[in-house]
PDB file of N, CA and C in Angstrom:
ATOM      1  N   MET A   1     -64.601 105.436 -93.636  1.00  0.00           N
ATOM      2  CA  MET A   1     -63.476 105.972 -93.375  1.00  0.00           C
ATOM      3  C   MET A   1     -63.527 106.402 -91.750  1.00  0.00           C
ATOM      4  N   SER A   2     -62.628 106.314 -91.131  1.00  0.00           N
ATOM      5  CA  SER A   2     -62.693 106.727 -89.582  1.00  0.00           C
ATOM      6  C   SER A   2     -61.424 107.766 -89.496  1.00  0.00           C
ATOM      7  N   ILE A   3     -61.689 108.458 -88.461  1.00  0.00           N
ATOM      8  CA  ILE A   3     -60.621 109.420 -87.992  1.00  0.00           C
ATOM      9  C   ILE A   3     -59.922 108.882 -86.552  1.00  0.00           C
ATOM     10  N   THR A   4     -58.727 108.977 -86.691  1.00  0.00           N
ATOM     11  CA  THR A   4     -57.880 108.335 -85.684  1.00  0.00           C
ATOM     12  C   THR A   4     -57.296 109.812 -84.840  1.00  0.00           C
ATOM     13  N   THR A   5     -57.530 109.660 -83.496  1.00  0.00           N
ATOM     14  CA  THR A   5     -57.067 110.586 -82.445  1.00  0.00           C
ATOM     15  C   THR A   5     -56.306 110.000 -81.448  1.00  0.00           C
ATOM     16  N   VAL A   6     -55.111 110.672 -81.082  1.00  0.00           N
ATOM     17  CA  VAL A   6     -54.306 110.094 -80.030  1.00  0.00           C
ATOM     18  C   VAL A   6     -54.309 110.970 -78.915  1.00  0.00           C
ATOM     19  N   LEU A   7     -54.780 110.508 -77.837  1.00  0.00           N
ATOM     20  CA  LEU A   7     -54.676 111.329 -76.505  1.00  0.00           C
ATOM     21  C   LEU A   7     -53.773 111.067 -75.487  1.00  0.00           C
ATOM     22  N   ALA A   8     -53.351 112.083 -74.908  1.00  0.00           N
ATOM     23  CA  ALA A   8     -52.459 111.691 -73.591  1.00  0.00           C
ATOM     24  C   ALA A   8     -53.326 111.860 -72.391  1.00  0.00           C
ATOM     25  N   VAL A   9     -53.402 110.751 -71.855  1.00  0.00           N
ATOM     26  CA  VAL A   9     -54.118 110.671 -70.512  1.00  0.00           C
ATOM     27  C   VAL A   9     -53.312 110.282 -69.250  1.00  0.00           C
ATOM     28  N   ASP A  10     -53.423 110.908 -68.059  1.00  0.00           N
ATOM     29  CA  ASP A  10     -52.532 110.774 -67.006  1.00  0.00           C
ATOM     30  C   ASP A  10     -53.210 109.992 -66.050  1.00  0.00           C
ATOM     31  N   GLY A  11     -52.458 109.175 -65.322  1.00  0.00           N
ATOM     32  CA  GLY A  11     -52.931 108.314 -64.099  1.00  0.00           C
ATOM     33  C   GLY A  11     -53.121 106.988 -64.547  1.00  0.00           C
ATOM     34  N   MET A  12     -52.906 106.481 -65.842  1.00  0.00           N
ATOM     35  CA  MET A  12     -53.038 105.016 -66.205  1.00  0.00           C
ATOM     36  C   MET A  12     -51.755 104.230 -65.715  1.00  0.00           C
ATOM     37  N   SER A  13     -52.023 102.970 -65.104  1.00  0.00           N
ATOM     38  CA  SER A  13     -50.603 102.434 -64.629  1.00  0.00           C
ATOM     39  C   SER A  13     -50.641 100.791 -64.690  1.00  0.00           C
ATOM     40  N   CYS A  14     -51.869 100.385 -65.236  1.00  0.00           N
ATOM     41  CA  CYS A  14     -51.818  99.011 -65.359  1.00  0.00           C
ATOM     42  C   CYS A  14     -52.931  98.536 -66.422  1.00  0.00           C
ATOM     43  N   GLY A  15     -53.250  97.370 -66.783  1.00  0.00           N
ATOM     44  CA  GLY A  15     -54.314  96.914 -67.693  1.00  0.00           C
ATOM     45  C   GLY A  15     -55.675  97.090 -67.140  1.00  0.00           C
ATOM     46  N   HIS A  16     -55.861  97.171 -65.943  1.00  0.00           N
ATOM     47  CA  HIS A  16     -57.210  97.487 -65.565  1.00  0.00           C
ATOM     48  C   HIS A  16     -57.423  98.929 -65.732  1.00  0.00           C
ATOM     49  N   CYS A  17     -56.410  99.929 -65.803  1.00  0.00           N
ATOM     50  CA  CYS A  17     -56.651 101.271 -65.780  1.00  0.00           C
ATOM     51  C   CYS A  17     -56.959 101.353 -67.546  1.00  0.00           C
ATOM     52  N   GLU A  18     -56.358 100.610 -68.397  1.00  0.00           N
ATOM     53  CA  GLU A  18     -56.552 100.645 -69.774  1.00  0.00           C
ATOM     54  C   GLU A  18     -57.916 100.341 -70.100  1.00  0.00           C
ATOM     55  N   ARG A  19     -58.515  99.173 -69.490  1.00  0.00           N
ATOM     56  CA  ARG A  19     -59.768  98.664 -69.765  1.00  0.00           C
ATOM     57  C   ARG A  19     -60.711  99.818 -69.303  1.00  0.00           C
ATOM     58  N   THR A  20     -60.525 100.393 -68.227  1.00  0.00           N
ATOM     59  CA  THR A  20     -61.431 101.409 -67.565  1.00  0.00           C
ATOM     60  C   THR A  20     -61.552 102.504 -68.429  1.00  0.00           C
ATOM     61  N   VAL A  21     -60.541 103.257 -69.215  1.00  0.00           N
ATOM     62  CA  VAL A  21     -60.431 104.276 -69.984  1.00  0.00           C
ATOM     63  C   VAL A  21     -61.057 104.072 -71.061  1.00  0.00           C
ATOM     64  N   SER A  22     -60.767 102.807 -71.658  1.00  0.00           N
ATOM     65  CA  SER A  22     -61.269 102.127 -72.914  1.00  0.00           C
ATOM     66  C   SER A  22     -62.755 102.269 -72.963  1.00  0.00           C
ATOM     67  N   ALA A  23     -63.289 101.647 -71.801  1.00  0.00           N
ATOM     68  CA  ALA A  23     -64.722 101.439 -71.889  1.00  0.00           C
ATOM     69  C   ALA A  23     -65.483 102.721 -71.583  1.00  0.00           C
ATOM     70  N   GLY A  24     -64.957 103.733 -71.097  1.00  0.00           N
ATOM     71  CA  GLY A  24     -65.456 105.140 -71.033  1.00  0.00           C
ATOM     72  C   GLY A  24     -65.371 105.744 -72.192  1.00  0.00           C
ATOM     73  N   LEU A  25     -64.454 105.547 -73.010  1.00  0.00           N
ATOM     74  CA  LEU A  25     -64.462 106.355 -74.283  1.00  0.00           C
ATOM     75  C   LEU A  25     -65.210 105.534 -75.406  1.00  0.00           C
ATOM     76  N   ALA A  26     -65.389 104.214 -75.171  1.00  0.00           N
ATOM     77  CA  ALA A  26     -65.968 103.485 -76.321  1.00  0.00           C
ATOM     78  C   ALA A  26     -67.554 103.789 -76.302  1.00  0.00           C
ATOM     79  N   ALA A  27     -67.990 104.361 -75.051  1.00  0.00           N
ATOM     80  CA  ALA A  27     -69.220 104.650 -74.880  1.00  0.00           C
ATOM     81  C   ALA A  27     -69.804 105.851 -75.555  1.00  0.00           C
ATOM     82  N   ILE A  28     -68.832 106.580 -75.950  1.00  0.00           N
ATOM     83  CA  ILE A  28     -69.160 107.967 -76.763  1.00  0.00           C
ATOM     84  C   ILE A  28     -69.617 107.600 -78.217  1.00  0.00           C
ATOM     85  N   PRO A  29     -70.941 108.180 -78.501  1.00  0.00           N
ATOM     86  CA  PRO A  29     -71.437 107.784 -79.828  1.00  0.00           C
ATOM     87  C   PRO A  29     -70.233 108.090 -81.065  1.00  0.00           C
ATOM     88  N   GLY A  30     -70.239 107.093 -81.978  1.00  0.00           N
ATOM     89  CA  GLY A  30     -69.250 107.400 -83.080  1.00  0.00           C
ATOM     90  C   GLY A  30     -68.065 106.723 -82.936  1.00  0.00           C
ATOM     91  N   VAL A  31     -67.903 106.308 -81.664  1.00  0.00           N
ATOM     92  CA  VAL A  31     -66.283 105.628 -81.345  1.00  0.00           C
ATOM     93  C   VAL A  31     -66.454 104.158 -82.012  1.00  0.00           C
ATOM     94  N   ILE A  32     -65.428 103.867 -82.855  1.00  0.00           N
ATOM     95  CA  ILE A  32     -65.205 102.581 -83.255  1.00  0.00           C
ATOM     96  C   ILE A  32     -64.447 101.714 -82.718  1.00  0.00           C
ATOM     97  N   ASP A  33     -63.495 102.170 -82.185  1.00  0.00           N
ATOM     98  CA  ASP A  33     -62.207 101.270 -81.529  1.00  0.00           C
ATOM     99  C   ASP A  33     -61.419 102.234 -80.641  1.00  0.00           C
ATOM    100  N   VAL A  34     -60.973 101.697 -79.555  1.00  0.00           N
ATOM    101  CA  VAL A  34     -60.147 102.381 -78.479  1.00  0.00           C
ATOM    102  C   VAL A  34     -58.949 101.488 -77.980  1.00  0.00           C
ATOM    103  N   VAL A  35     -57.836 102.019 -78.167  1.00  0.00           N
ATOM    104  CA  VAL A  35     -56.702 100.950 -77.604  1.00  0.00           C
ATOM    105  C   VAL A  35     -55.843 101.977 -76.657  1.00  0.00           C
ATOM    106  N   ALA A  36     -55.669 101.535 -75.349  1.00  0.00           N
ATOM    107  CA  ALA A  36     -55.245 102.508 -74.491  1.00  0.00           C
ATOM    108  C   ALA A  36     -53.948 101.608 -73.980  1.00  0.00           C
ATOM    109  N   ASP A  37     -52.665 102.491 -73.863  1.00  0.00           N
ATOM    110  CA  ASP A  37     -51.479 102.158 -73.515  1.00  0.00           C
ATOM    111  C   ASP A  37     -51.025 102.714 -72.360  1.00  0.00           C
ATOM    112  N   ALA A  38     -50.947 102.056 -71.087  1.00  0.00           N
ATOM    113  CA  ALA A  38     -50.445 102.639 -69.840  1.00  0.00           C
ATOM    114  C   ALA A  38     -49.190 103.042 -69.785  1.00  0.00           C
ATOM    115  N   PRO A  39     -48.234 102.244 -70.167  1.00  0.00           N
ATOM    116  CA  PRO A  39     -46.823 102.881 -70.200  1.00  0.00           C
ATOM    117  C   PRO A  39     -46.643 104.186 -70.856  1.00  0.00           C
ATOM    118  N   SER A  40     -47.135 104.193 -71.960  1.00  0.00           N
ATOM    119  CA  SER A  40     -47.065 105.473 -72.665  1.00  0.00           C
ATOM    120  C   SER A  40     -47.838 106.601 -72.300  1.00  0.00           C
ATOM    121  N   GLY A  41     -49.086 106.353 -71.695  1.00  0.00           N
ATOM    122  CA  GLY A  41     -50.030 107.265 -71.175  1.00  0.00           C
ATOM    123  C   GLY A  41     -50.907 107.697 -72.631  1.00  0.00           C
ATOM    124  N   ARG A  42     -50.960 107.047 -73.426  1.00  0.00           N
ATOM    125  CA  ARG A  42     -51.533 107.244 -74.810  1.00  0.00           C
ATOM    126  C   ARG A  42     -52.982 106.387 -75.082  1.00  0.00           C
ATOM    127  N   VAL A  43     -53.797 107.050 -75.529  1.00  0.00           N
ATOM    128  CA  VAL A  43     -55.096 106.336 -75.783  1.00  0.00           C
ATOM    129  C   VAL A  43     -55.286 106.613 -77.177  1.00  0.00           C
ATOM    130  N   THR A  44     -55.462 105.674 -78.237  1.00  0.00           N
ATOM    131  CA  THR A  44     -55.528 105.957 -79.627  1.00  0.00           C
ATOM    132  C   THR A  44     -57.148 105.584 -79.909  1.00  0.00           C
ATOM    133  N   VAL A  45     -57.908 106.530 -80.435  1.00  0.00           N
ATOM    134  CA  VAL A  45     -59.199 106.399 -80.551  1.00  0.00           C
ATOM    135  C   VAL A  45     -59.835 106.475 -81.839  1.00  0.00           C
ATOM    136  N   ALA A  46     -60.340 105.414 -82.671  1.00  0.00           N
ATOM    137  CA  ALA A  46     -60.908 105.602 -83.862  1.00  0.00           C
ATOM    138  C   ALA A  46     -62.531 105.847 -83.882  1.00  0.00           C
ATOM    139  N   SER A  47     -62.708 106.961 -84.726  1.00  0.00           N
ATOM    140  CA  SER A  47     -64.145 107.456 -84.497  1.00  0.00           C
ATOM    141  C   SER A  47     -64.575 107.473 -85.950  1.00  0.00           C
ATOM    142  N   ALA A  48     -66.023 107.626 -86.219  1.00  0.00           N
ATOM    143  CA  ALA A  48     -66.706 107.970 -87.479  1.00  0.00           C
ATOM    144  C   ALA A  48     -66.599 109.434 -87.643  1.00  0.00           C
ATOM    145  N   GLY A  49     -66.328 110.203 -86.810  1.00  0.00           N
ATOM    146  CA  GLY A  49     -66.398 111.502 -86.974  1.00  0.00           C
ATOM    147  C   GLY A  49     -65.487 112.244 -86.029  1.00  0.00           C
ATOM    148  N   PRO A  50     -65.554 113.558 -86.161  1.00  0.00           N
ATOM    149  CA  PRO A  50     -64.410 114.215 -84.857  1.00  0.00           C
ATOM    150  C   PRO A  50     -65.151 114.043 -83.653  1.00  0.00           C
ATOM    151  N   LEU A  51     -64.158 113.961 -82.658  1.00  0.00           N
ATOM    152  CA  LEU A  51     -64.715 113.677 -81.266  1.00  0.00           C
ATOM    153  C   LEU A  51     -64.861 115.211 -80.723  1.00  0.00           C
ATOM    154  N   GLU A  52     -66.062 115.217 -79.857  1.00  0.00           N
ATOM    155  CA  GLU A  52     -66.396 116.529 -79.246  1.00  0.00           C
ATOM    156  C   GLU A  52     -65.374 116.370 -77.983  1.00  0.00           C
ATOM    157  N   THR A  53     -64.545 117.354 -77.835  1.00  0.00           N
ATOM    158  CA  THR A  53     -63.692 117.466 -76.437  1.00  0.00           C
ATOM    159  C   THR A  53     -64.389 117.411 -75.209  1.00  0.00           C
ATOM    160  N   ALA A  54     -65.355 117.862 -75.174  1.00  0.00           N
ATOM    161  CA  ALA A  54     -66.282 117.874 -74.112  1.00  0.00           C
ATOM    162  C   ALA A  54     -66.738 116.397 -73.371  1.00  0.00           C
ATOM    163  N   ALA A  55     -67.070 115.813 -74.440  1.00  0.00           N
ATOM    164  CA  ALA A  55     -67.558 114.308 -74.338  1.00  0.00           C
ATOM    165  C   ALA A  55     -66.261 113.232 -73.956  1.00  0.00           C
ATOM    166  N   VAL A  56     -65.080 113.816 -74.629  1.00  0.00           N
ATOM    167  CA  VAL A  56     -63.852 113.029 -74.286  1.00  0.00           C
ATOM    168  C   VAL A  56     -63.359 113.192 -72.888  1.00  0.00           C
ATOM    169  N   ARG A  57     -63.287 114.401 -72.514  1.00  0.00           N
ATOM    170  CA  ARG A  57     -63.135 114.828 -71.020  1.00  0.00           C
ATOM    171  C   ARG A  57     -63.891 114.217 -70.076  1.00  0.00           C
ATOM    172  N   SER A  58     -65.267 114.280 -70.291  1.00  0.00           N
ATOM    173  CA  SER A  58     -66.129 113.708 -69.464  1.00  0.00           C
ATOM    174  C   SER A  58     -65.999 112.147 -69.208  1.00  0.00           C
ATOM    175  N   ALA A  59     -65.760 111.513 -70.360  1.00  0.00           N
ATOM    176  CA  ALA A  59     -65.446 109.979 -70.398  1.00  0.00           C
ATOM    177  C   ALA A  59     -64.273 109.611 -69.512  1.00  0.00           C
ATOM    178  N   VAL A  60     -63.237 110.374 -69.856  1.00  0.00           N
ATOM    179  CA  VAL A  60     -61.908 110.217 -69.130  1.00  0.00           C
ATOM    180  C   VAL A  60     -61.999 110.495 -67.737  1.00  0.00           C
ATOM    181  N   ASP A  61     -62.564 111.710 -67.273  1.00  0.00           N
ATOM    182  CA  ASP A  61     -62.685 112.060 -66.000  1.00  0.00           C
ATOM    183  C   ASP A  61     -63.527 111.308 -65.377  1.00  0.00           C
ATOM    184  N   GLY A  62     -64.664 110.686 -65.848  1.00  0.00           N
ATOM    185  CA  GLY A  62     -65.682 109.662 -65.262  1.00  0.00           C
ATOM    186  C   GLY A  62     -64.968 108.275 -64.797  1.00  0.00           C
ATOM    187  N   ALA A  63     -64.063 107.987 -65.758  1.00  0.00           N
ATOM    188  CA  ALA A  63     -63.065 106.840 -65.475  1.00  0.00           C
ATOM    189  C   ALA A  63     -62.193 106.970 -64.366  1.00  0.00           C
ATOM    190  N   GLY A  64     -61.994 108.080 -63.867  1.00  0.00           N
ATOM    191  CA  GLY A  64     -61.037 108.438 -62.886  1.00  0.00           C
ATOM    192  C   GLY A  64     -59.708 109.048 -63.071  1.00  0.00           C
ATOM    193  N   PHE A  65     -59.545 109.320 -64.434  1.00  0.00           N
ATOM    194  CA  PHE A  65     -58.211 109.820 -65.108  1.00  0.00           C
ATOM    195  C   PHE A  65     -58.203 111.151 -65.466  1.00  0.00           C
ATOM    196  N   THR A  66     -57.115 111.744 -66.007  1.00  0.00           N
ATOM    197  CA  THR A  66     -57.156 113.036 -66.228  1.00  0.00           C
ATOM    198  C   THR A  66     -56.544 113.105 -67.885  1.00  0.00           C
ATOM    199  N   LEU A  67     -57.610 113.901 -68.505  1.00  0.00           N
ATOM    200  CA  LEU A  67     -57.052 113.972 -70.049  1.00  0.00           C
ATOM    201  C   LEU A  67     -56.030 115.270 -70.049  1.00  0.00           C
ATOM    202  N   VAL A  68     -54.745 115.109 -70.554  1.00  0.00           N
ATOM    203  CA  VAL A  68     -53.912 115.868 -70.738  1.00  0.00           C
ATOM    204  C   VAL A  68     -54.049 116.732 -71.999  1.00  0.00           C
ATOM    205  N   GLY A  69     -54.493 115.946 -73.042  1.00  0.00           N
ATOM    206  CA  GLY A  69     -54.925 116.588 -74.587  1.00  0.00           C
ATOM    207  C   GLY A  69     -54.606 115.641 -75.467  1.00  0.00           C
ATOM    208  N   GLU A  70     -54.488 116.113 -76.587  1.00  0.00           N
ATOM    209  CA  GLU A  70     -54.105 115.289 -77.749  1.00  0.00           C
ATOM    210  C   GLU A  70     -52.629 115.075 -77.755  1.00  0.00           C
ATOM    211  N   ALA A  71     -52.098 113.730 -78.105  1.00  0.00           N
ATOM    212  CA  ALA A  71     -50.686 113.500 -77.939  1.00  0.00           C
ATOM    213  C   ALA A  71     -50.096 113.798 -79.559  1.00  0.00           C
TER     214      ALA A  71
END
């Protein structure tokens, strides 16, 4: 069973942005799948357990975008 978390991420505008954010979040231990959608600014993350906010923020910031919060 996985947990689905929908995040609001600011600054995504294209497919490259989606891939960059997805790659950063996919590197977090326990993340199973990531689907980013630039037009909506939402990123859906499936994980084996709850995500640590600090790890998510660090991954999004490291990709060059801003985590707004959970959508």
